[in-house]
């Protein structure tokens, strides 16, 4: 009996020592480490970094970003899916572009496309509307900007847009177009779907490169709304 008590006491002492050792180890590991700070310090080169001017950043006195209304839509589906490209920025020209299905307090209808742009990094915004043909309706547009390689003047940029359109009978096809930054010189092409297409919204990942090449994709569904199959991806490339 005495041996068992001694053995139990030894176990309790061992557990206590082990627990104390783990606590000490944990306390040592809880000391803040600095590898990330050292890493950032090592790679920073203040002489090579451009000077940042924060004088125009729209902050209020509480330190929060100020919110600026730039557009509106006739319903919730001004932007329909995360695949759409609705915002693009061109740091060389201090320009930000936003596009969506129009309507709402800013005017126009849900059949139009509204483009808002800023040439001072978001401090002020200008809007214009692009109207389709009288019997056609813009839907779910993607909007991007083309800035020619080496250009620093916003007036030389071009707005690019793409998406599906409807008529009185439902989904009709795809639209592709461009215009100047001020909304002038609008050029829109309407491409009618093949007869066996149910949906083919070419508004996924719209991209315009500095070389002038434009790319946009779609996930094509063949059949009808009652029965359709995925026919794969389509990518449209333009210049």
C-alpha atoms as a PDB file:
ATOM      1  CA  UNK A   1       0.000   0.000   0.000  1.00  0.00           C
ATOM      2  CA  UNK A   2       2.833   2.341   0.914  1.00  0.00           C
ATOM      3  CA  UNK A   3       4.564   1.567  -2.409  1.00  0.00           C
ATOM      4  CA  UNK A   4       1.381   2.371  -4.320  1.00  0.00           C
ATOM      5  CA  UNK A   5       1.009   5.681  -2.488  1.00  0.00           C
ATOM      6  CA  UNK A   6       4.620   6.552  -3.173  1.00  0.00           C
ATOM      7  CA  UNK A   7       4.166   5.614  -6.840  1.00  0.00           C
ATOM      8  CA  UNK A   8       1.018   7.735  -7.100  1.00  0.00           C
ATOM      9  CA  UNK A   9       2.783  10.646  -5.424  1.00  0.00           C
ATOM     10  CA  UNK A  10       5.662  10.331  -7.869  1.00  0.00           C
ATOM     11  CA  UNK A  11       3.209  10.406 -10.790  1.00  0.00           C
ATOM     12  CA  UNK A  12       1.491  13.509  -9.434  1.00  0.00           C
ATOM     13  CA  UNK A  13       4.831  15.243  -8.964  1.00  0.00           C
ATOM     14  CA  UNK A  14       5.837  14.227 -12.486  1.00  0.00           C
ATOM     15  CA  UNK A  15       2.592  15.537 -13.975  1.00  0.00           C
ATOM     16  CA  UNK A  16       2.945  18.781 -12.014  1.00  0.00           C
ATOM     17  CA  UNK A  17       6.526  19.280 -13.192  1.00  0.00           C
ATOM     18  CA  UNK A  18       5.511  18.456 -16.753  1.00  0.00           C
ATOM     19  CA  UNK A  19       2.614  20.889 -16.633  1.00  0.00           C
ATOM     20  CA  UNK A  20       4.807  23.604 -15.235  1.00  0.00           C
ATOM     21  CA  UNK A  21       7.363  22.942 -17.958  1.00  0.00           C
ATOM     22  CA  UNK A  22       4.676  23.223 -20.674  1.00  0.00           C
ATOM     23  CA  UNK A  23       3.455  26.482 -19.185  1.00  0.00           C
ATOM     24  CA  UNK A  24       6.954  27.903 -19.213  1.00  0.00           C
ATOM     25  CA  UNK A  25       7.435  26.797 -22.788  1.00  0.00           C
ATOM     26  CA  UNK A  26       4.141  28.372 -23.814  1.00  0.00           C
ATOM     27  CA  UNK A  27       5.098  31.587 -22.058  1.00  0.00           C
ATOM     28  CA  UNK A  28       8.370  31.682 -23.957  1.00  0.00           C
ATOM     29  CA  UNK A  29       6.591  31.057 -27.276  1.00  0.00           C
ATOM     30  CA  UNK A  30       4.105  33.850 -26.550  1.00  0.00           C
ATOM     31  CA  UNK A  31       6.888  36.457 -26.732  1.00  0.00           C
ATOM     32  CA  UNK A  32       6.216  38.557 -29.879  1.00  0.00           C
ATOM     33  CA  UNK A  33       8.516  37.551 -32.694  1.00  0.00           C
ATOM     34  CA  UNK A  34       9.849  39.938 -35.338  1.00  0.00           C
ATOM     35  CA  UNK A  35      10.650  37.945 -38.495  1.00  0.00           C
ATOM     36  CA  UNK A  36       7.997  39.815 -40.532  1.00  0.00           C
ATOM     37  CA  UNK A  37       9.227  43.187 -39.364  1.00  0.00           C
ATOM     38  CA  UNK A  38      12.813  42.257 -40.195  1.00  0.00           C
ATOM     39  CA  UNK A  39      11.709  40.920 -43.578  1.00  0.00           C
ATOM     40  CA  UNK A  40       9.998  44.140 -44.558  1.00  0.00           C
ATOM     41  CA  UNK A  41      12.901  46.189 -43.313  1.00  0.00           C
ATOM     42  CA  UNK A  42      15.333  44.113 -45.345  1.00  0.00           C
ATOM     43  CA  UNK A  43      13.470  44.494 -48.644  1.00  0.00           C
ATOM     44  CA  UNK A  44      12.621  48.176 -48.261  1.00  0.00           C
ATOM     45  CA  UNK A  45      14.683  50.675 -50.150  1.00  0.00           C
ATOM     46  CA  UNK A  46      13.477  54.149 -49.315  1.00  0.00           C
ATOM     47  CA  UNK A  47      15.656  55.730 -51.967  1.00  0.00           C
ATOM     48  CA  UNK A  48      14.008  53.638 -54.698  1.00  0.00           C
ATOM     49  CA  UNK A  49      10.401  54.137 -53.548  1.00  0.00           C
ATOM     50  CA  UNK A  50       8.306  56.901 -55.164  1.00  0.00           C
ATOM     51  CA  UNK A  51       7.097  59.708 -52.957  1.00  0.00           C
ATOM     52  CA  UNK A  52       3.443  59.271 -51.989  1.00  0.00           C
ATOM     53  CA  UNK A  53       1.225  62.324 -51.911  1.00  0.00           C
ATOM     54  CA  UNK A  54      -1.737  61.819 -49.573  1.00  0.00           C
ATOM     55  CA  UNK A  55      -3.047  65.370 -49.800  1.00  0.00           C
ATOM     56  CA  UNK A  56      -5.881  64.380 -52.147  1.00  0.00           C
ATOM     57  CA  UNK A  57      -7.063  61.239 -50.342  1.00  0.00           C
ATOM     58  CA  UNK A  58     -10.752  61.710 -49.410  1.00  0.00           C
ATOM     59  CA  UNK A  59     -10.632  61.112 -45.631  1.00  0.00           C
ATOM     60  CA  UNK A  60     -12.797  62.839 -43.072  1.00  0.00           C
ATOM     61  CA  UNK A  61     -11.665  63.914 -39.609  1.00  0.00           C
ATOM     62  CA  UNK A  62     -12.540  60.572 -38.044  1.00  0.00           C
ATOM     63  CA  UNK A  63     -10.118  58.843 -40.409  1.00  0.00           C
ATOM     64  CA  UNK A  64     -12.834  57.029 -42.377  1.00  0.00           C
ATOM     65  CA  UNK A  65     -12.992  57.065 -46.156  1.00  0.00           C
ATOM     66  CA  UNK A  66     -15.641  59.391 -47.523  1.00  0.00           C
ATOM     67  CA  UNK A  67     -18.317  57.717 -49.642  1.00  0.00           C
ATOM     68  CA  UNK A  68     -19.205  59.246 -53.006  1.00  0.00           C
ATOM     69  CA  UNK A  69     -22.274  58.167 -54.981  1.00  0.00           C
ATOM     70  CA  UNK A  70     -21.161  57.531 -58.551  1.00  0.00           C
ATOM     71  CA  UNK A  71     -24.048  55.664 -60.193  1.00  0.00           C
ATOM     72  CA  UNK A  72     -27.450  54.018 -59.747  1.00  0.00           C
ATOM     73  CA  UNK A  73     -29.515  51.232 -61.259  1.00  0.00           C
ATOM     74  CA  UNK A  74     -33.194  50.618 -61.863  1.00  0.00           C
ATOM     75  CA  UNK A  75     -33.041  47.419 -59.805  1.00  0.00           C
ATOM     76  CA  UNK A  76     -30.745  45.140 -57.839  1.00  0.00           C
ATOM     77  CA  UNK A  77     -29.280  43.668 -61.012  1.00  0.00           C
ATOM     78  CA  UNK A  78     -27.226  46.657 -62.079  1.00  0.00           C
ATOM     79  CA  UNK A  79     -24.408  44.179 -61.494  1.00  0.00           C
ATOM     80  CA  UNK A  80     -25.488  40.560 -61.858  1.00  0.00           C
ATOM     81  CA  UNK A  81     -22.475  38.358 -61.120  1.00  0.00           C
ATOM     82  CA  UNK A  82     -18.926  38.439 -59.770  1.00  0.00           C
ATOM     83  CA  UNK A  83     -17.649  37.453 -63.224  1.00  0.00           C
ATOM     84  CA  UNK A  84     -18.507  40.878 -64.627  1.00  0.00           C
ATOM     85  CA  UNK A  85     -15.783  43.480 -64.951  1.00  0.00           C
ATOM     86  CA  UNK A  86     -17.262  46.730 -63.653  1.00  0.00           C
ATOM     87  CA  UNK A  87     -14.266  48.661 -62.272  1.00  0.00           C
ATOM     88  CA  UNK A  88     -10.939  49.424 -63.898  1.00  0.00           C
ATOM     89  CA  UNK A  89      -8.156  51.844 -63.035  1.00  0.00           C
ATOM     90  CA  UNK A  90      -5.360  53.429 -65.023  1.00  0.00           C
ATOM     91  CA  UNK A  91      -2.733  54.865 -62.633  1.00  0.00           C
ATOM     92  CA  UNK A  92      -0.867  56.517 -65.515  1.00  0.00           C
ATOM     93  CA  UNK A  93      -3.826  58.858 -66.065  1.00  0.00           C
ATOM     94  CA  UNK A  94      -5.200  58.994 -62.478  1.00  0.00           C
ATOM     95  CA  UNK A  95      -8.403  57.502 -63.899  1.00  0.00           C
ATOM     96  CA  UNK A  96     -11.011  55.136 -62.430  1.00  0.00           C
ATOM     97  CA  UNK A  97     -13.920  53.791 -64.506  1.00  0.00           C
ATOM     98  CA  UNK A  98     -17.135  52.159 -63.265  1.00  0.00           C
ATOM     99  CA  UNK A  99     -19.949  50.805 -65.448  1.00  0.00           C
ATOM    100  CA  UNK A 100     -23.325  49.205 -64.773  1.00  0.00           C
ATOM    101  CA  UNK A 101     -26.896  48.781 -65.974  1.00  0.00           C
ATOM    102  CA  UNK A 102     -28.484  52.219 -65.629  1.00  0.00           C
ATOM    103  CA  UNK A 103     -31.672  53.577 -64.046  1.00  0.00           C
ATOM    104  CA  UNK A 104     -32.590  54.783 -60.595  1.00  0.00           C
ATOM    105  CA  UNK A 105     -31.915  58.227 -59.061  1.00  0.00           C
ATOM    106  CA  UNK A 106     -29.168  59.058 -61.581  1.00  0.00           C
ATOM    107  CA  UNK A 107     -31.653  58.723 -64.433  1.00  0.00           C
ATOM    108  CA  UNK A 108     -31.923  56.705 -67.666  1.00  0.00           C
ATOM    109  CA  UNK A 109     -33.594  53.276 -67.754  1.00  0.00           C
ATOM    110  CA  UNK A 110     -32.655  49.702 -66.968  1.00  0.00           C
ATOM    111  CA  UNK A 111     -32.204  49.163 -70.698  1.00  0.00           C
ATOM    112  CA  UNK A 112     -29.249  51.562 -70.838  1.00  0.00           C
ATOM    113  CA  UNK A 113     -25.618  51.392 -69.790  1.00  0.00           C
ATOM    114  CA  UNK A 114     -24.186  54.018 -67.442  1.00  0.00           C
ATOM    115  CA  UNK A 115     -20.483  54.810 -67.197  1.00  0.00           C
ATOM    116  CA  UNK A 116     -18.993  56.851 -64.352  1.00  0.00           C
ATOM    117  CA  UNK A 117     -15.368  57.951 -64.469  1.00  0.00           C
ATOM    118  CA  UNK A 118     -12.969  59.967 -62.366  1.00  0.00           C
ATOM    119  CA  UNK A 119      -9.733  61.558 -63.540  1.00  0.00           C
ATOM    120  CA  UNK A 120      -8.562  62.558 -60.053  1.00  0.00           C
ATOM    121  CA  UNK A 121      -8.405  59.116 -58.379  1.00  0.00           C
ATOM    122  CA  UNK A 122     -12.007  59.213 -57.153  1.00  0.00           C
ATOM    123  CA  UNK A 123     -12.342  62.734 -55.740  1.00  0.00           C
ATOM    124  CA  UNK A 124     -14.915  63.745 -58.371  1.00  0.00           C
ATOM    125  CA  UNK A 125     -16.960  61.775 -60.884  1.00  0.00           C
ATOM    126  CA  UNK A 126     -18.631  62.331 -64.251  1.00  0.00           C
ATOM    127  CA  UNK A 127     -21.475  60.216 -65.677  1.00  0.00           C
ATOM    128  CA  UNK A 128     -22.778  59.482 -69.144  1.00  0.00           C
ATOM    129  CA  UNK A 129     -25.287  57.008 -70.589  1.00  0.00           C
ATOM    130  CA  UNK A 130     -25.022  54.737 -73.628  1.00  0.00           C
ATOM    131  CA  UNK A 131     -28.329  53.822 -75.250  1.00  0.00           C
ATOM    132  CA  UNK A 132     -28.802  50.712 -77.412  1.00  0.00           C
ATOM    133  CA  UNK A 133     -30.887  50.529 -80.540  1.00  0.00           C
ATOM    134  CA  UNK A 134     -34.560  51.471 -79.903  1.00  0.00           C
ATOM    135  CA  UNK A 135     -35.840  47.869 -79.907  1.00  0.00           C
ATOM    136  CA  UNK A 136     -32.912  46.365 -77.948  1.00  0.00           C
ATOM    137  CA  UNK A 137     -32.089  46.402 -74.232  1.00  0.00           C
ATOM    138  CA  UNK A 138     -28.657  46.307 -72.600  1.00  0.00           C
ATOM    139  CA  UNK A 139     -28.251  43.839 -69.746  1.00  0.00           C
ATOM    140  CA  UNK A 140     -25.491  43.011 -67.220  1.00  0.00           C
ATOM    141  CA  UNK A 141     -22.616  44.880 -68.917  1.00  0.00           C
ATOM    142  CA  UNK A 142     -18.931  44.525 -68.268  1.00  0.00           C
ATOM    143  CA  UNK A 143     -17.037  47.798 -68.647  1.00  0.00           C
ATOM    144  CA  UNK A 144     -13.271  48.293 -68.901  1.00  0.00           C
ATOM    145  CA  UNK A 145     -10.861  50.963 -70.087  1.00  0.00           C
ATOM    146  CA  UNK A 146      -8.233  50.922 -72.807  1.00  0.00           C
ATOM    147  CA  UNK A 147      -5.230  53.138 -72.212  1.00  0.00           C
ATOM    148  CA  UNK A 148      -2.727  53.172 -75.098  1.00  0.00           C
ATOM    149  CA  UNK A 149       0.773  52.168 -74.082  1.00  0.00           C
ATOM    150  CA  UNK A 150       2.634  55.203 -72.724  1.00  0.00           C
ATOM    151  CA  UNK A 151      -0.409  57.510 -72.652  1.00  0.00           C
ATOM    152  CA  UNK A 152      -0.851  59.886 -69.689  1.00  0.00           C
ATOM    153  CA  UNK A 153      -3.818  61.906 -70.992  1.00  0.00           C
ATOM    154  CA  UNK A 154      -7.310  60.641 -70.000  1.00  0.00           C
ATOM    155  CA  UNK A 155      -8.780  62.177 -73.148  1.00  0.00           C
ATOM    156  CA  UNK A 156      -6.897  59.599 -75.227  1.00  0.00           C
ATOM    157  CA  UNK A 157      -8.424  56.640 -73.399  1.00  0.00           C
ATOM    158  CA  UNK A 158     -11.304  54.496 -74.658  1.00  0.00           C
ATOM    159  CA  UNK A 159     -14.186  52.849 -72.765  1.00  0.00           C
ATOM    160  CA  UNK A 160     -14.824  49.208 -73.713  1.00  0.00           C
ATOM    161  CA  UNK A 161     -18.098  47.403 -72.905  1.00  0.00           C
ATOM    162  CA  UNK A 162     -19.669  44.015 -73.530  1.00  0.00           C
ATOM    163  CA  UNK A 163     -22.626  41.942 -72.380  1.00  0.00           C
ATOM    164  CA  UNK A 164     -25.975  40.397 -73.354  1.00  0.00           C
ATOM    165  CA  UNK A 165     -28.989  42.160 -74.832  1.00  0.00           C
ATOM    166  CA  UNK A 166     -32.685  41.352 -75.074  1.00  0.00           C
ATOM    167  CA  UNK A 167     -35.640  42.258 -77.234  1.00  0.00           C
ATOM    168  CA  UNK A 168     -39.369  41.716 -76.757  1.00  0.00           C
ATOM    169  CA  UNK A 169     -38.844  37.969 -77.181  1.00  0.00           C
ATOM    170  CA  UNK A 170     -36.130  37.438 -74.551  1.00  0.00           C
ATOM    171  CA  UNK A 171     -32.369  36.902 -74.761  1.00  0.00           C
ATOM    172  CA  UNK A 172     -31.246  37.868 -78.230  1.00  0.00           C
ATOM    173  CA  UNK A 173     -27.454  37.969 -78.328  1.00  0.00           C
ATOM    174  CA  UNK A 174     -24.350  39.874 -77.287  1.00  0.00           C
ATOM    175  CA  UNK A 175     -23.265  43.489 -77.643  1.00  0.00           C
ATOM    176  CA  UNK A 176     -19.709  44.801 -77.945  1.00  0.00           C
ATOM    177  CA  UNK A 177     -18.706  48.426 -78.139  1.00  0.00           C
ATOM    178  CA  UNK A 178     -16.458  51.340 -77.355  1.00  0.00           C
ATOM    179  CA  UNK A 179     -16.629  55.097 -76.914  1.00  0.00           C
ATOM    180  CA  UNK A 180     -14.478  58.037 -75.935  1.00  0.00           C
ATOM    181  CA  UNK A 181     -13.997  59.001 -72.304  1.00  0.00           C
ATOM    182  CA  UNK A 182     -16.631  61.737 -72.601  1.00  0.00           C
ATOM    183  CA  UNK A 183     -19.254  59.359 -74.002  1.00  0.00           C
ATOM    184  CA  UNK A 184     -18.853  60.475 -77.600  1.00  0.00           C
ATOM    185  CA  UNK A 185     -18.017  58.381 -80.672  1.00  0.00           C
ATOM    186  CA  UNK A 186     -20.161  55.442 -79.533  1.00  0.00           C
ATOM    187  CA  UNK A 187     -19.744  52.319 -81.643  1.00  0.00           C
ATOM    188  CA  UNK A 188     -21.762  49.214 -80.732  1.00  0.00           C
ATOM    189  CA  UNK A 189     -21.996  45.864 -82.516  1.00  0.00           C
ATOM    190  CA  UNK A 190     -24.916  43.488 -81.844  1.00  0.00           C
ATOM    191  CA  UNK A 191     -24.180  39.802 -82.426  1.00  0.00           C
ATOM    192  CA  UNK A 192     -27.275  37.595 -82.554  1.00  0.00           C
ATOM    193  CA  UNK A 193     -27.168  34.185 -80.871  1.00  0.00           C
ATOM    194  CA  UNK A 194     -27.314  30.962 -82.816  1.00  0.00           C
ATOM    195  CA  UNK A 195     -30.819  29.408 -82.819  1.00  0.00           C
ATOM    196  CA  UNK A 196     -29.838  26.647 -80.364  1.00  0.00           C
ATOM    197  CA  UNK A 197     -28.365  29.002 -77.717  1.00  0.00           C
ATOM    198  CA  UNK A 198     -30.226  29.597 -74.457  1.00  0.00           C
ATOM    199  CA  UNK A 199     -27.673  31.848 -72.700  1.00  0.00           C
ATOM    200  CA  UNK A 200     -24.305  33.113 -73.863  1.00  0.00           C
ATOM    201  CA  UNK A 201     -23.493  36.258 -71.880  1.00  0.00           C
ATOM    202  CA  UNK A 202     -20.093  37.488 -73.023  1.00  0.00           C
ATOM    203  CA  UNK A 203     -19.249  39.628 -70.004  1.00  0.00           C
ATOM    204  CA  UNK A 204     -16.769  37.446 -68.079  1.00  0.00           C
ATOM    205  CA  UNK A 205     -13.329  38.905 -67.423  1.00  0.00           C
ATOM    206  CA  UNK A 206     -13.429  41.745 -69.940  1.00  0.00           C
ATOM    207  CA  UNK A 207      -9.833  42.942 -70.422  1.00  0.00           C
ATOM    208  CA  UNK A 208      -8.260  45.615 -72.618  1.00  0.00           C
ATOM    209  CA  UNK A 209      -4.454  45.516 -72.812  1.00  0.00           C
ATOM    210  CA  UNK A 210      -2.151  48.528 -73.455  1.00  0.00           C
ATOM    211  CA  UNK A 211      -1.406  47.047 -76.880  1.00  0.00           C
ATOM    212  CA  UNK A 212      -5.068  47.414 -77.862  1.00  0.00           C
ATOM    213  CA  UNK A 213      -6.099  43.762 -77.629  1.00  0.00           C
ATOM    214  CA  UNK A 214      -9.460  43.073 -75.972  1.00  0.00           C
ATOM    215  CA  UNK A 215     -10.653  39.770 -74.501  1.00  0.00           C
ATOM    216  CA  UNK A 216     -13.974  38.660 -73.026  1.00  0.00           C
ATOM    217  CA  UNK A 217     -15.423  35.220 -72.244  1.00  0.00           C
ATOM    218  CA  UNK A 218     -18.760  33.487 -71.754  1.00  0.00           C
ATOM    219  CA  UNK A 219     -20.146  30.178 -70.524  1.00  0.00           C
ATOM    220  CA  UNK A 220     -22.417  28.992 -73.303  1.00  0.00           C
ATOM    221  CA  UNK A 221     -25.645  27.153 -72.529  1.00  0.00           C
ATOM    222  CA  UNK A 222     -27.473  25.450 -75.398  1.00  0.00           C
ATOM    223  CA  UNK A 223     -31.157  24.528 -75.355  1.00  0.00           C
ATOM    224  CA  UNK A 224     -34.029  26.340 -73.667  1.00  0.00           C
ATOM    225  CA  UNK A 225     -34.822  27.638 -70.193  1.00  0.00           C
ATOM    226  CA  UNK A 226     -36.662  24.364 -69.526  1.00  0.00           C
ATOM    227  CA  UNK A 227     -33.789  22.123 -70.672  1.00  0.00           C
ATOM    228  CA  UNK A 228     -30.239  23.210 -71.409  1.00  0.00           C
ATOM    229  CA  UNK A 229     -26.689  21.859 -71.457  1.00  0.00           C
ATOM    230  CA  UNK A 230     -23.314  23.498 -70.869  1.00  0.00           C
ATOM    231  CA  UNK A 231     -21.597  23.741 -74.250  1.00  0.00           C
ATOM    232  CA  UNK A 232     -18.305  25.012 -72.788  1.00  0.00           C
ATOM    233  CA  UNK A 233     -16.508  28.341 -72.866  1.00  0.00           C
ATOM    234  CA  UNK A 234     -16.276  30.916 -75.605  1.00  0.00           C
ATOM    235  CA  UNK A 235     -13.604  33.615 -75.717  1.00  0.00           C
ATOM    236  CA  UNK A 236     -13.893  36.622 -77.985  1.00  0.00           C
ATOM    237  CA  UNK A 237     -10.665  38.391 -78.963  1.00  0.00           C
ATOM    238  CA  UNK A 238     -10.684  41.786 -80.608  1.00  0.00           C
ATOM    239  CA  UNK A 239      -8.452  44.728 -81.455  1.00  0.00           C
END
